[in-house]
């Protein structure tokens, strides 16, 4: 309860619903060129799918176009373009409205300290002039979230391009580099993206408190002016874009290759990711937010990233394994770049989570064909868990989905096969 990761604080109504799906799928691989100078092989891959969902008025269509060009034994280029969909789940379609209490500030309240423009917008929305700037609002606002049976599928377009390099002069070495660009439209999200976003748009200069606006209609007030609840059911309102590059390196060699005794071999695998864009726009009137290098409430969204978890730009994972006959030793190093709180308007006690390096060591022993033993230590260097002060994130939990919670931990396990 103290870290905000215990469920059950709000009612979770039962979900009931179903839909039928019929699909037709096909794919083909077409050899274009083979065994020519600078074109050892060129291949084209085509795939397509047509799906009929009982919850949708029309057929959904997806496809894939991919190609690879092996210049020689050492170098191969590759690229692909995909159009994909994700249909709404039963919960997203049929879940009854349930209440939550996200942290938010009513712009029309005393805490909101409305300026002249916001004050007029509050009046335009129907709030009595004498109540503007005097409402004693809570720090949390009751918000109703739930399903919407009229949801459409999310639509994604993905493009990747890269190469695989396996130099013949260094056997068993492979280097891969891939650029990726992923754009998703009609993202299923709560209306407005968040309670605070709904308020900001309603009382911002664009909508200016127009009582006919769906943003202002979503805010329900009591006779004393305080907000009773904000209604934010699921909608197809969002846009999401990810962009970055992945670099992978793998290499294996026997110890005899470097003049050492014949006692096994070593394999090394490393994956580095550089993400420079993770942008989200909950709807057309909301601002676009690039949350790379950031965390916190301004990067949180009910369905996409409910906890505003950190999105480090640089991530690296390297695994080194030594194996000989029935035994092995493993070392894994995981690196996460530092991140900062994404809310520039507020200074929190914890504004930054520093770089994290996690080192895990383990050993394994195949005792018999039926018995395997494994033991080791996780987080060898006791990398600290980030402790966040109040309101630094929607959960104030330190993000256990990203960072190690337990600290240094020893383990041993046995696997028995019968």
Foldseek 3Di string as FASTA:
>chain_A
DVLQPDDDPWDFDDFDDDKDKDKDKDKDKAWDDDDDQQFNTKIWIKMKMWMDIRLDPDIDIKMKIKMKGDRDPFKMKIKMKIKDWAFDDSFQATGFWIKDWFFADQCQELVVVHDPLLLQLCVQLPDDSVHGNHHPEDRTAIEIETHHSNQGIKIKIKMKIWMWGQDPVAHQKIKIKMKMKMKIALDKFWPLQDLRSLNCLSSDPPNSNNNPDPSSVQFDADPSGYTNYGYTYIGRFKMWMKTWMKMKIKGKDAPVVVVDDRFFIKIKIKMKIAIPFTWMDRHDRGDIDGQELEFADVQAGVPPHNWRDHHYRIKMKMKMKTDGDFKIKIKIKIKGAKHAHPDPVDDFPGGIDHIDIKIWIKMKGDPDPFKIKMKTKTRVVQTDQDQGDPRSIRSSNSPVVVDPDPTIDIDMDMGGDD
